[in-house]
Amino acid sequence: MSIPTIPVPEPAAQPEPAAEAAAVEAPRVEARPLSELLPTGTPLLIVGAAMFVAAVASFIHFGLTGHALLGAVFCPTLILLAAIDMKHRLLPNMIVLPASLAVGLIVAASAPADFLGHFLAGLALGGFFFAIAAFFPGSLGMGDAKLGFLLGLALGVKTLGATMIAFAALLVAALFVLATRGMSARKDAIPFGPFLALGGIVAFFLG
């Protein structure tokens, strides 16, 4: 007489540690501490020197005025943000937001009659970039919109000129990339922060 057998299910295979590690989503760049985003080594020296020169140049060009103090905060901040965006494709809130507050306070204290115009310029450019980011995902980021607000807040009536310089420089860079790397590079992302920084600094000193 045969003995009935009861099928026993095989134990489920346990995932390998490597597979588990691969399944865990990598931390977002935005979650990284600011210390990991700042330049190091030789880039730190270059960026630091450029920030110092920009601050000194503001006082040399505008004298001991509130506008010079504005430039001494605004221009070095743009240089630092450009360096971070070039490497990490990120414009950290931990820099943009405090800089916006400082710029707003300086403008309000040194030129109170112009503050509203500067504030509206910031809202206009920041809102414009926000709309582009919302309707055309992948084109611009929220960091660009916040940086746009900072530019408008600092530049006021010079904001349009800074924006035109930024877009013109971006176009030149895109054409250069296409000419050197071919059409296969047309989908490569180009950070916009450095071009906004360039436009902002040029407009601040020459606008």
N, C-alpha and C. Protein backbone atom coordinates (compact mmCIF):
# COMPACT_ATOMS: atom_id res chain seq x y z
N MET A 1 0.86 -1.19 0.00
CA MET A 1 0.00 0.00 0.00
C MET A 1 0.88 1.23 0.00
N SER A 2 0.59 2.09 -0.89
CA SER A 2 1.42 3.29 -1.00
C SER A 2 1.03 4.30 0.06
N ILE A 3 2.03 5.01 0.54
CA ILE A 3 1.82 6.03 1.57
C ILE A 3 1.58 7.36 0.89
N PRO A 4 0.45 8.04 1.21
CA PRO A 4 0.18 9.32 0.55
C PRO A 4 1.21 10.36 0.97
N THR A 5 1.57 11.16 0.04
CA THR A 5 2.55 12.22 0.31
C THR A 5 1.87 13.57 0.25
N ILE A 6 2.28 14.44 1.12
CA ILE A 6 1.74 15.80 1.16
C ILE A 6 2.77 16.75 0.56
N PRO A 7 2.40 17.42 -0.50
CA PRO A 7 3.40 18.33 -1.12
C PRO A 7 3.74 19.47 -0.17
N VAL A 8 5.00 19.69 -0.02
CA VAL A 8 5.48 20.78 0.84
C VAL A 8 6.05 21.87 -0.05
N PRO A 9 5.50 23.09 0.04
CA PRO A 9 6.01 24.18 -0.82
C PRO A 9 7.45 24.51 -0.47
N GLU A 10 8.21 24.79 -1.52
CA GLU A 10 9.60 25.15 -1.31
C GLU A 10 9.67 26.54 -0.68
N PRO A 11 10.61 26.74 0.20
CA PRO A 11 10.75 28.07 0.82
C PRO A 11 11.09 29.12 -0.22
N ALA A 12 10.48 30.26 -0.04
CA ALA A 12 10.73 31.34 -0.99
C ALA A 12 12.18 31.75 -0.94
N ALA A 13 12.71 31.97 -2.11
CA ALA A 13 14.11 32.36 -2.20
C ALA A 13 14.32 33.73 -1.57
N GLN A 14 15.31 33.79 -0.73
CA GLN A 14 15.61 35.06 -0.08
C GLN A 14 16.45 35.92 -1.02
N PRO A 15 16.11 37.22 -1.13
CA PRO A 15 16.88 38.07 -2.03
C PRO A 15 18.30 38.25 -1.53
N GLU A 16 19.21 38.27 -2.46
CA GLU A 16 20.60 38.49 -2.12
C GLU A 16 20.77 39.89 -1.58
N PRO A 17 21.75 40.08 -0.70
CA PRO A 17 22.01 41.43 -0.17
C PRO A 17 22.25 42.44 -1.26
N ALA A 18 22.94 42.00 -2.34
CA ALA A 18 23.21 42.94 -3.43
C ALA A 18 21.93 43.37 -4.10
N ALA A 19 20.99 42.37 -4.25
CA ALA A 19 19.72 42.70 -4.89
C ALA A 19 18.92 43.66 -4.04
N GLU A 20 18.98 43.42 -2.70
CA GLU A 20 18.26 44.32 -1.80
C GLU A 20 18.82 45.72 -1.89
N ALA A 21 20.13 45.80 -1.96
CA ALA A 21 20.75 47.12 -2.05
C ALA A 21 20.38 47.80 -3.34
N ALA A 22 20.29 47.02 -4.43
CA ALA A 22 19.94 47.62 -5.71
C ALA A 22 18.50 48.07 -5.73
N ALA A 23 17.65 47.36 -4.93
CA ALA A 23 16.24 47.72 -4.94
C ALA A 23 15.96 48.98 -4.16
N VAL A 24 16.87 49.34 -3.27
CA VAL A 24 16.68 50.55 -2.48
C VAL A 24 16.99 51.75 -3.34
N GLU A 25 16.07 52.68 -3.38
CA GLU A 25 16.25 53.86 -4.22
C GLU A 25 17.39 54.71 -3.69
N ALA A 26 18.22 55.16 -4.61
CA ALA A 26 19.33 56.02 -4.20
C ALA A 26 18.79 57.32 -3.65
N PRO A 27 19.46 57.88 -2.64
CA PRO A 27 18.97 59.14 -2.08
C PRO A 27 19.01 60.25 -3.10
N ARG A 28 18.00 61.12 -3.07
CA ARG A 28 17.93 62.22 -4.00
C ARG A 28 19.04 63.21 -3.71
N VAL A 29 19.50 63.88 -4.79
CA VAL A 29 20.59 64.82 -4.63
C VAL A 29 20.18 65.94 -3.69
N GLU A 30 18.87 66.33 -3.75
CA GLU A 30 18.41 67.43 -2.92
C GLU A 30 18.57 67.14 -1.44
N ALA A 31 18.60 65.82 -1.06
CA ALA A 31 18.67 65.47 0.34
C ALA A 31 20.10 65.52 0.87
N ARG A 32 21.06 65.71 0.00
CA ARG A 32 22.44 65.74 0.44
C ARG A 32 22.73 67.01 1.22
N PRO A 33 23.56 66.92 2.23
CA PRO A 33 23.89 68.14 3.00
C PRO A 33 24.66 69.13 2.14
N LEU A 34 24.55 70.39 2.50
CA LEU A 34 25.20 71.44 1.71
C LEU A 34 26.71 71.24 1.64
N SER A 35 27.29 70.68 2.70
CA SER A 35 28.74 70.50 2.71
C SER A 35 29.22 69.59 1.59
N GLU A 36 28.35 68.67 1.13
CA GLU A 36 28.72 67.78 0.04
C GLU A 36 28.56 68.42 -1.34
N LEU A 37 27.85 69.54 -1.38
CA LEU A 37 27.62 70.21 -2.66
C LEU A 37 28.63 71.32 -2.93
N LEU A 38 29.27 71.81 -1.89
CA LEU A 38 30.22 72.91 -2.06
C LEU A 38 31.48 72.44 -2.77
N PRO A 39 32.11 73.33 -3.53
CA PRO A 39 33.35 72.95 -4.22
C PRO A 39 34.44 72.57 -3.22
N THR A 40 35.33 71.73 -3.67
CA THR A 40 36.46 71.31 -2.84
C THR A 40 37.73 71.38 -3.68
N GLY A 41 38.86 71.39 -3.00
CA GLY A 41 40.14 71.37 -3.69
C GLY A 41 40.37 72.62 -4.52
N THR A 42 40.92 72.41 -5.71
CA THR A 42 41.22 73.53 -6.61
C THR A 42 39.98 74.32 -7.00
N PRO A 43 38.85 73.66 -7.33
CA PRO A 43 37.64 74.45 -7.63
C PRO A 43 37.23 75.37 -6.48
N LEU A 44 37.44 74.93 -5.24
CA LEU A 44 37.11 75.77 -4.10
C LEU A 44 37.95 77.04 -4.10
N LEU A 45 39.23 76.91 -4.42
CA LEU A 45 40.10 78.09 -4.47
C LEU A 45 39.68 79.03 -5.59
N ILE A 46 39.33 78.47 -6.74
CA ILE A 46 38.92 79.30 -7.86
C ILE A 46 37.62 80.02 -7.57
N VAL A 47 36.64 79.27 -7.05
CA VAL A 47 35.34 79.87 -6.74
C VAL A 47 35.48 80.90 -5.62
N GLY A 48 36.25 80.57 -4.60
CA GLY A 48 36.45 81.51 -3.50
C GLY A 48 37.12 82.80 -3.98
N ALA A 49 38.12 82.67 -4.84
CA ALA A 49 38.79 83.86 -5.37
C ALA A 49 37.83 84.70 -6.21
N ALA A 50 37.02 84.04 -7.03
CA ALA A 50 36.06 84.77 -7.86
C ALA A 50 35.02 85.49 -7.00
N MET A 51 34.58 84.85 -5.93
CA MET A 51 33.61 85.48 -5.03
C MET A 51 34.23 86.71 -4.36
N PHE A 52 35.48 86.59 -3.93
CA PHE A 52 36.16 87.71 -3.28
C PHE A 52 36.34 88.87 -4.25
N VAL A 53 36.76 88.57 -5.47
CA VAL A 53 36.95 89.61 -6.47
C VAL A 53 35.63 90.31 -6.78
N ALA A 54 34.55 89.55 -6.87
CA ALA A 54 33.24 90.14 -7.17
C ALA A 54 32.80 91.09 -6.06
N ALA A 55 33.02 90.68 -4.82
CA ALA A 55 32.63 91.53 -3.69
C ALA A 55 33.45 92.81 -3.66
N VAL A 56 34.76 92.69 -3.85
CA VAL A 56 35.63 93.87 -3.85
C VAL A 56 35.29 94.78 -5.02
N ALA A 57 35.05 94.18 -6.19
CA ALA A 57 34.73 94.96 -7.38
C ALA A 57 33.45 95.76 -7.20
N SER A 58 32.51 95.22 -6.45
CA SER A 58 31.27 95.94 -6.21
C SER A 58 31.52 97.23 -5.43
N PHE A 59 32.37 97.16 -4.42
CA PHE A 59 32.67 98.37 -3.63
C PHE A 59 33.55 99.35 -4.43
N ILE A 60 34.44 98.81 -5.25
CA ILE A 60 35.26 99.69 -6.07
C ILE A 60 34.40 100.43 -7.09
N HIS A 61 33.46 99.72 -7.66
CA HIS A 61 32.64 100.31 -8.73
C HIS A 61 31.57 101.25 -8.20
N PHE A 62 30.98 100.91 -7.07
CA PHE A 62 29.85 101.70 -6.57
C PHE A 62 30.16 102.48 -5.29
N GLY A 63 31.38 102.32 -4.76
CA GLY A 63 31.73 103.04 -3.56
C GLY A 63 31.10 102.43 -2.32
N LEU A 64 31.19 103.15 -1.22
CA LEU A 64 30.62 102.66 0.04
C LEU A 64 29.14 103.01 0.10
N THR A 65 28.36 102.28 -0.67
CA THR A 65 26.92 102.54 -0.77
C THR A 65 26.15 101.26 -0.51
N GLY A 66 24.85 101.43 -0.35
CA GLY A 66 24.00 100.26 -0.18
C GLY A 66 23.99 99.39 -1.42
N HIS A 67 24.09 100.02 -2.59
CA HIS A 67 24.13 99.25 -3.84
C HIS A 67 25.38 98.38 -3.91
N ALA A 68 26.49 98.93 -3.40
CA ALA A 68 27.73 98.14 -3.37
C ALA A 68 27.58 96.95 -2.43
N LEU A 69 26.95 97.16 -1.29
CA LEU A 69 26.71 96.06 -0.37
C LEU A 69 25.82 95.00 -1.00
N LEU A 70 24.82 95.46 -1.76
CA LEU A 70 23.96 94.52 -2.47
C LEU A 70 24.78 93.65 -3.42
N GLY A 71 25.68 94.29 -4.18
CA GLY A 71 26.53 93.53 -5.09
C GLY A 71 27.47 92.58 -4.39
N ALA A 72 27.94 92.98 -3.19
CA ALA A 72 28.86 92.15 -2.44
C ALA A 72 28.20 90.89 -1.91
N VAL A 73 26.89 90.91 -1.81
CA VAL A 73 26.13 89.72 -1.42
C VAL A 73 25.62 88.97 -2.64
N PHE A 74 25.08 89.70 -3.58
CA PHE A 74 24.41 89.12 -4.73
C PHE A 74 25.37 88.41 -5.68
N CYS A 75 26.44 89.09 -6.08
CA CYS A 75 27.34 88.52 -7.10
C CYS A 75 28.12 87.30 -6.59
N PRO A 76 28.71 87.33 -5.40
CA PRO A 76 29.35 86.10 -4.92
C PRO A 76 28.39 84.93 -4.77
N THR A 77 27.15 85.22 -4.39
CA THR A 77 26.16 84.15 -4.29
C THR A 77 25.92 83.52 -5.66
N LEU A 78 25.81 84.34 -6.69
CA LEU A 78 25.60 83.81 -8.04
C LEU A 78 26.78 82.94 -8.48
N ILE A 79 27.98 83.36 -8.14
CA ILE A 79 29.16 82.57 -8.53
C ILE A 79 29.14 81.21 -7.84
N LEU A 80 28.83 81.19 -6.56
CA LEU A 80 28.77 79.92 -5.84
C LEU A 80 27.66 79.02 -6.39
N LEU A 81 26.50 79.58 -6.66
CA LEU A 81 25.40 78.79 -7.20
C LEU A 81 25.74 78.24 -8.58
N ALA A 82 26.41 79.03 -9.39
CA ALA A 82 26.80 78.57 -10.72
C ALA A 82 27.74 77.37 -10.63
N ALA A 83 28.69 77.44 -9.71
CA ALA A 83 29.64 76.33 -9.54
C ALA A 83 28.93 75.05 -9.09
N ILE A 84 27.98 75.19 -8.17
CA ILE A 84 27.24 74.02 -7.69
C ILE A 84 26.36 73.46 -8.79
N ASP A 85 25.68 74.33 -9.53
CA ASP A 85 24.77 73.86 -10.57
C ASP A 85 25.53 73.18 -11.71
N MET A 86 26.71 73.67 -12.02
CA MET A 86 27.50 73.05 -13.08
C MET A 86 27.87 71.61 -12.75
N LYS A 87 28.14 71.33 -11.48
CA LYS A 87 28.57 69.99 -11.09
C LYS A 87 27.42 69.10 -10.69
N HIS A 88 26.45 69.64 -9.95
CA HIS A 88 25.41 68.80 -9.35
C HIS A 88 24.03 68.99 -9.98
N ARG A 89 23.90 69.94 -10.91
CA ARG A 89 22.58 70.23 -11.52
C ARG A 89 21.57 70.56 -10.42
N LEU A 90 21.97 71.42 -9.51
CA LEU A 90 21.13 71.73 -8.36
C LEU A 90 21.43 73.13 -7.87
N LEU A 91 20.37 73.85 -7.49
CA LEU A 91 20.50 75.17 -6.89
C LEU A 91 19.91 75.07 -5.48
N PRO A 92 20.75 74.89 -4.48
CA PRO A 92 20.26 74.55 -3.12
C PRO A 92 19.42 75.67 -2.50
N ASN A 93 18.31 75.27 -1.92
CA ASN A 93 17.49 76.24 -1.18
C ASN A 93 18.25 76.86 -0.03
N MET A 94 19.20 76.12 0.54
CA MET A 94 19.95 76.60 1.69
C MET A 94 20.83 77.79 1.34
N ILE A 95 21.03 78.03 0.04
CA ILE A 95 21.77 79.21 -0.41
C ILE A 95 20.82 80.24 -1.00
N VAL A 96 19.91 79.79 -1.87
CA VAL A 96 19.04 80.71 -2.59
C VAL A 96 18.12 81.47 -1.64
N LEU A 97 17.51 80.77 -0.71
CA LEU A 97 16.52 81.43 0.16
C LEU A 97 17.15 82.44 1.12
N PRO A 98 18.22 82.09 1.85
CA PRO A 98 18.85 83.12 2.70
C PRO A 98 19.38 84.30 1.89
N ALA A 99 19.91 84.02 0.70
CA ALA A 99 20.41 85.11 -0.15
C ALA A 99 19.28 86.02 -0.57
N SER A 100 18.12 85.45 -0.89
CA SER A 100 16.96 86.27 -1.26
C SER A 100 16.53 87.16 -0.10
N LEU A 101 16.54 86.60 1.11
CA LEU A 101 16.17 87.38 2.28
C LEU A 101 17.16 88.52 2.50
N ALA A 102 18.46 88.21 2.40
CA ALA A 102 19.48 89.24 2.60
C ALA A 102 19.38 90.33 1.54
N VAL A 103 19.18 89.94 0.29
CA VAL A 103 19.06 90.92 -0.79
C VAL A 103 17.83 91.78 -0.58
N GLY A 104 16.72 91.17 -0.20
CA GLY A 104 15.51 91.94 0.04
C GLY A 104 15.68 92.97 1.15
N LEU A 105 16.35 92.57 2.22
CA LEU A 105 16.58 93.49 3.34
C LEU A 105 17.50 94.64 2.92
N ILE A 106 18.52 94.34 2.13
CA ILE A 106 19.44 95.39 1.68
C ILE A 106 18.73 96.38 0.77
N VAL A 107 17.94 95.86 -0.16
CA VAL A 107 17.21 96.75 -1.07
C VAL A 107 16.22 97.60 -0.29
N ALA A 108 15.51 97.00 0.65
CA ALA A 108 14.52 97.74 1.42
C ALA A 108 15.17 98.82 2.27
N ALA A 109 16.38 98.54 2.79
CA ALA A 109 17.05 99.51 3.65
C ALA A 109 17.75 100.61 2.86
N SER A 110 18.35 100.25 1.72
CA SER A 110 19.14 101.23 0.96
C SER A 110 18.32 102.01 -0.06
N ALA A 111 17.26 101.41 -0.59
CA ALA A 111 16.43 102.09 -1.59
C ALA A 111 14.97 101.71 -1.36
N PRO A 112 14.38 102.17 -0.27
CA PRO A 112 13.00 101.75 0.06
C PRO A 112 11.98 102.12 -1.02
N ALA A 113 12.21 103.22 -1.73
CA ALA A 113 11.27 103.63 -2.77
C ALA A 113 11.27 102.66 -3.95
N ASP A 114 12.37 101.93 -4.12
CA ASP A 114 12.49 101.01 -5.25
C ASP A 114 12.16 99.57 -4.88
N PHE A 115 11.90 99.32 -3.60
CA PHE A 115 11.74 97.93 -3.18
C PHE A 115 10.58 97.25 -3.88
N LEU A 116 9.45 97.93 -4.01
CA LEU A 116 8.29 97.30 -4.63
C LEU A 116 8.59 96.91 -6.07
N GLY A 117 9.27 97.79 -6.80
CA GLY A 117 9.63 97.46 -8.18
C GLY A 117 10.54 96.25 -8.25
N HIS A 118 11.50 96.18 -7.35
CA HIS A 118 12.41 95.02 -7.32
C HIS A 118 11.64 93.76 -6.97
N PHE A 119 10.75 93.86 -6.01
CA PHE A 119 9.97 92.69 -5.59
C PHE A 119 9.08 92.19 -6.73
N LEU A 120 8.45 93.11 -7.44
CA LEU A 120 7.59 92.70 -8.56
C LEU A 120 8.42 92.10 -9.69
N ALA A 121 9.61 92.64 -9.91
CA ALA A 121 10.49 92.05 -10.94
C ALA A 121 10.87 90.63 -10.57
N GLY A 122 11.12 90.39 -9.28
CA GLY A 122 11.43 89.04 -8.84
C GLY A 122 10.25 88.10 -9.02
N LEU A 123 9.06 88.57 -8.67
CA LEU A 123 7.87 87.75 -8.87
C LEU A 123 7.63 87.46 -10.35
N ALA A 124 7.87 88.44 -11.19
CA ALA A 124 7.63 88.26 -12.63
C ALA A 124 8.57 87.21 -13.21
N LEU A 125 9.87 87.36 -12.94
CA LEU A 125 10.83 86.41 -13.52
C LEU A 125 10.69 85.04 -12.87
N GLY A 126 10.53 85.01 -11.56
CA GLY A 126 10.35 83.72 -10.90
C GLY A 126 9.09 83.02 -11.36
N GLY A 127 8.01 83.79 -11.52
CA GLY A 127 6.76 83.20 -12.01
C GLY A 127 6.87 82.72 -13.44
N PHE A 128 7.61 83.47 -14.26
CA PHE A 128 7.82 83.06 -15.66
C PHE A 128 8.57 81.73 -15.73
N PHE A 129 9.63 81.61 -14.96
CA PHE A 129 10.38 80.36 -14.95
C PHE A 129 9.56 79.22 -14.35
N PHE A 130 8.75 79.54 -13.34
CA PHE A 130 7.89 78.52 -12.74
C PHE A 130 6.90 77.99 -13.78
N ALA A 131 6.33 78.88 -14.58
CA ALA A 131 5.37 78.46 -15.60
C ALA A 131 6.05 77.57 -16.63
N ILE A 132 7.27 77.93 -17.05
CA ILE A 132 8.00 77.10 -18.01
C ILE A 132 8.26 75.72 -17.42
N ALA A 133 8.69 75.68 -16.15
CA ALA A 133 8.97 74.39 -15.51
C ALA A 133 7.71 73.55 -15.36
N ALA A 134 6.56 74.20 -15.12
CA ALA A 134 5.32 73.46 -14.92
C ALA A 134 4.75 72.94 -16.23
N PHE A 135 4.79 73.74 -17.29
CA PHE A 135 4.18 73.34 -18.56
C PHE A 135 5.13 72.56 -19.46
N PHE A 136 6.44 72.68 -19.22
CA PHE A 136 7.42 71.95 -20.02
C PHE A 136 8.37 71.23 -19.08
N PRO A 137 7.92 70.11 -18.49
CA PRO A 137 8.75 69.38 -17.53
C PRO A 137 10.10 69.01 -18.13
N GLY A 138 11.14 69.20 -17.35
CA GLY A 138 12.48 68.87 -17.80
C GLY A 138 13.20 70.04 -18.43
N SER A 139 12.48 71.12 -18.70
CA SER A 139 13.13 72.28 -19.31
C SER A 139 13.86 73.11 -18.26
N LEU A 140 13.13 73.53 -17.25
CA LEU A 140 13.70 74.26 -16.13
C LEU A 140 13.25 73.59 -14.84
N GLY A 141 13.97 73.90 -13.76
CA GLY A 141 13.60 73.34 -12.47
C GLY A 141 13.09 74.41 -11.53
N MET A 142 12.58 73.98 -10.38
CA MET A 142 12.11 74.94 -9.39
C MET A 142 13.25 75.79 -8.86
N GLY A 143 14.47 75.24 -8.86
CA GLY A 143 15.62 76.03 -8.45
C GLY A 143 15.85 77.21 -9.36
N ASP A 144 15.62 77.01 -10.65
CA ASP A 144 15.75 78.12 -11.61
C ASP A 144 14.71 79.20 -11.33
N ALA A 145 13.51 78.78 -10.97
CA ALA A 145 12.46 79.76 -10.65
C ALA A 145 12.83 80.56 -9.41
N LYS A 146 13.35 79.89 -8.40
CA LYS A 146 13.76 80.61 -7.18
C LYS A 146 14.93 81.53 -7.46
N LEU A 147 15.85 81.08 -8.31
CA LEU A 147 16.97 81.94 -8.68
C LEU A 147 16.49 83.13 -9.50
N GLY A 148 15.46 82.90 -10.32
CA GLY A 148 14.87 84.01 -11.07
C GLY A 148 14.30 85.06 -10.15
N PHE A 149 13.66 84.63 -9.08
CA PHE A 149 13.14 85.58 -8.10
C PHE A 149 14.28 86.38 -7.47
N LEU A 150 15.37 85.70 -7.13
CA LEU A 150 16.53 86.38 -6.55
C LEU A 150 17.09 87.42 -7.51
N LEU A 151 17.20 87.06 -8.79
CA LEU A 151 17.70 88.01 -9.78
C LEU A 151 16.81 89.24 -9.87
N GLY A 152 15.52 89.03 -9.99
CA GLY A 152 14.61 90.16 -10.10
C GLY A 152 14.63 91.03 -8.87
N LEU A 153 14.71 90.40 -7.70
CA LEU A 153 14.73 91.15 -6.45
C LEU A 153 15.97 92.03 -6.35
N ALA A 154 17.08 91.55 -6.86
CA ALA A 154 18.33 92.31 -6.78
C ALA A 154 18.46 93.34 -7.89
N LEU A 155 17.96 93.03 -9.08
CA LEU A 155 18.23 93.86 -10.25
C LEU A 155 17.13 94.86 -10.57
N GLY A 156 15.91 94.57 -10.21
CA GLY A 156 14.83 95.50 -10.53
C GLY A 156 14.66 95.69 -12.02
N VAL A 157 14.81 96.91 -12.50
CA VAL A 157 14.60 97.21 -13.92
C VAL A 157 15.65 96.57 -14.81
N LYS A 158 16.75 96.11 -14.24
CA LYS A 158 17.80 95.47 -15.03
C LYS A 158 17.52 93.99 -15.27
N THR A 159 16.41 93.49 -14.73
CA THR A 159 16.11 92.06 -14.80
C THR A 159 15.95 91.57 -16.24
N LEU A 160 15.27 92.35 -17.06
CA LEU A 160 15.04 91.93 -18.45
C LEU A 160 16.36 91.77 -19.19
N GLY A 161 17.27 92.72 -18.99
CA GLY A 161 18.58 92.61 -19.65
C GLY A 161 19.34 91.39 -19.20
N ALA A 162 19.30 91.10 -17.90
CA ALA A 162 19.98 89.92 -17.39
C ALA A 162 19.40 88.64 -17.98
N THR A 163 18.08 88.60 -18.11
CA THR A 163 17.42 87.41 -18.66
C THR A 163 17.80 87.22 -20.13
N MET A 164 17.85 88.31 -20.89
CA MET A 164 18.22 88.21 -22.30
C MET A 164 19.65 87.74 -22.46
N ILE A 165 20.54 88.23 -21.60
CA ILE A 165 21.94 87.78 -21.65
C ILE A 165 22.01 86.29 -21.33
N ALA A 166 21.25 85.84 -20.33
CA ALA A 166 21.28 84.44 -19.94
C ALA A 166 20.80 83.53 -21.07
N PHE A 167 19.68 83.89 -21.69
CA PHE A 167 19.16 83.06 -22.78
C PHE A 167 20.09 83.09 -24.00
N ALA A 168 20.67 84.24 -24.29
CA ALA A 168 21.60 84.32 -25.42
C ALA A 168 22.82 83.45 -25.17
N ALA A 169 23.37 83.50 -23.96
CA ALA A 169 24.53 82.67 -23.63
C ALA A 169 24.17 81.19 -23.67
N LEU A 170 22.97 80.85 -23.20
CA LEU A 170 22.52 79.46 -23.25
C LEU A 170 22.41 78.97 -24.69
N LEU A 171 21.89 79.83 -25.57
CA LEU A 171 21.77 79.46 -26.98
C LEU A 171 23.15 79.21 -27.59
N VAL A 172 24.10 80.08 -27.31
CA VAL A 172 25.45 79.90 -27.83
C VAL A 172 26.05 78.59 -27.32
N ALA A 173 25.85 78.30 -26.04
CA ALA A 173 26.39 77.06 -25.47
C ALA A 173 25.73 75.84 -26.11
N ALA A 174 24.42 75.89 -26.33
CA ALA A 174 23.72 74.76 -26.94
C ALA A 174 24.20 74.53 -28.37
N LEU A 175 24.39 75.60 -29.12
CA LEU A 175 24.89 75.47 -30.49
C LEU A 175 26.31 74.92 -30.50
N PHE A 176 27.11 75.33 -29.54
CA PHE A 176 28.49 74.81 -29.45
C PHE A 176 28.48 73.32 -29.16
N VAL A 177 27.62 72.89 -28.23
CA VAL A 177 27.54 71.46 -27.90
C VAL A 177 27.10 70.66 -29.12
N LEU A 178 26.11 71.16 -29.85
CA LEU A 178 25.65 70.46 -31.04
C LEU A 178 26.73 70.40 -32.10
N ALA A 179 27.49 71.48 -32.24
CA ALA A 179 28.53 71.52 -33.27
C ALA A 179 29.69 70.59 -32.95
N THR A 180 29.98 70.41 -31.68
CA THR A 180 31.13 69.60 -31.29
C THR A 180 30.78 68.14 -31.02
N ARG A 181 29.54 67.88 -30.60
CA ARG A 181 29.16 66.51 -30.22
C ARG A 181 28.10 65.91 -31.13
N GLY A 182 27.58 66.69 -32.04
CA GLY A 182 26.61 66.15 -32.97
C GLY A 182 25.19 66.17 -32.44
N MET A 183 24.26 65.72 -33.27
CA MET A 183 22.84 65.74 -32.91
C MET A 183 22.51 64.79 -31.77
N SER A 184 23.40 63.85 -31.49
CA SER A 184 23.14 62.93 -30.38
C SER A 184 23.12 63.66 -29.04
N ALA A 185 23.67 64.87 -29.00
CA ALA A 185 23.74 65.62 -27.75
C ALA A 185 22.55 66.55 -27.57
N ARG A 186 21.59 66.50 -28.48
CA ARG A 186 20.49 67.46 -28.40
C ARG A 186 19.60 67.23 -27.19
N LYS A 187 19.64 66.03 -26.61
CA LYS A 187 18.82 65.74 -25.43
C LYS A 187 19.60 65.91 -24.13
N ASP A 188 20.87 66.27 -24.24
CA ASP A 188 21.67 66.46 -23.02
C ASP A 188 21.20 67.71 -22.29
N ALA A 189 21.10 67.59 -20.99
CA ALA A 189 20.65 68.72 -20.17
C ALA A 189 21.81 69.69 -19.94
N ILE A 190 21.53 70.95 -20.10
CA ILE A 190 22.51 72.00 -19.82
C ILE A 190 21.99 72.81 -18.64
N PRO A 191 22.75 72.90 -17.56
CA PRO A 191 22.27 73.67 -16.40
C PRO A 191 22.11 75.14 -16.75
N PHE A 192 21.00 75.71 -16.34
CA PHE A 192 20.69 77.10 -16.66
C PHE A 192 21.24 78.07 -15.63
N GLY A 193 21.53 77.56 -14.43
CA GLY A 193 22.01 78.42 -13.35
C GLY A 193 23.24 79.24 -13.70
N PRO A 194 24.28 78.63 -14.30
CA PRO A 194 25.46 79.43 -14.64
C PRO A 194 25.17 80.57 -15.61
N PHE A 195 24.23 80.37 -16.51
CA PHE A 195 23.91 81.43 -17.47
C PHE A 195 23.09 82.54 -16.80
N LEU A 196 22.22 82.17 -15.87
CA LEU A 196 21.52 83.19 -15.10
C LEU A 196 22.50 83.98 -14.25
N ALA A 197 23.49 83.29 -13.69
CA ALA A 197 24.50 83.98 -12.91
C ALA A 197 25.29 84.95 -13.77
N LEU A 198 25.66 84.52 -14.96
CA LEU A 198 26.39 85.40 -15.87
C LEU A 198 25.56 86.63 -16.21
N GLY A 199 24.31 86.40 -16.59
CA GLY A 199 23.44 87.52 -16.92
C GLY A 199 23.25 88.46 -15.75
N GLY A 200 23.09 87.91 -14.56
CA GLY A 200 22.88 88.73 -13.38
C GLY A 200 24.08 89.60 -13.05
N ILE A 201 25.27 89.03 -13.13
CA ILE A 201 26.49 89.79 -12.80
C ILE A 201 26.74 90.87 -13.84
N VAL A 202 26.62 90.52 -15.13
CA VAL A 202 26.84 91.51 -16.18
C VAL A 202 25.85 92.65 -16.08
N ALA A 203 24.58 92.32 -15.85
CA ALA A 203 23.56 93.36 -15.73
C ALA A 203 23.76 94.22 -14.50
N PHE A 204 24.24 93.63 -13.42
CA PHE A 204 24.45 94.40 -12.20
C PHE A 204 25.54 95.46 -12.39
N PHE A 205 26.64 95.07 -13.04
CA PHE A 205 27.74 96.01 -13.20
C PHE A 205 27.60 96.92 -14.41
N LEU A 206 27.00 96.41 -15.48
CA LEU A 206 26.98 97.17 -16.72
C LEU A 206 25.60 97.64 -17.13
N GLY A 207 24.55 97.15 -16.46
CA GLY A 207 23.19 97.51 -16.86
C GLY A 207 22.84 98.94 -16.55
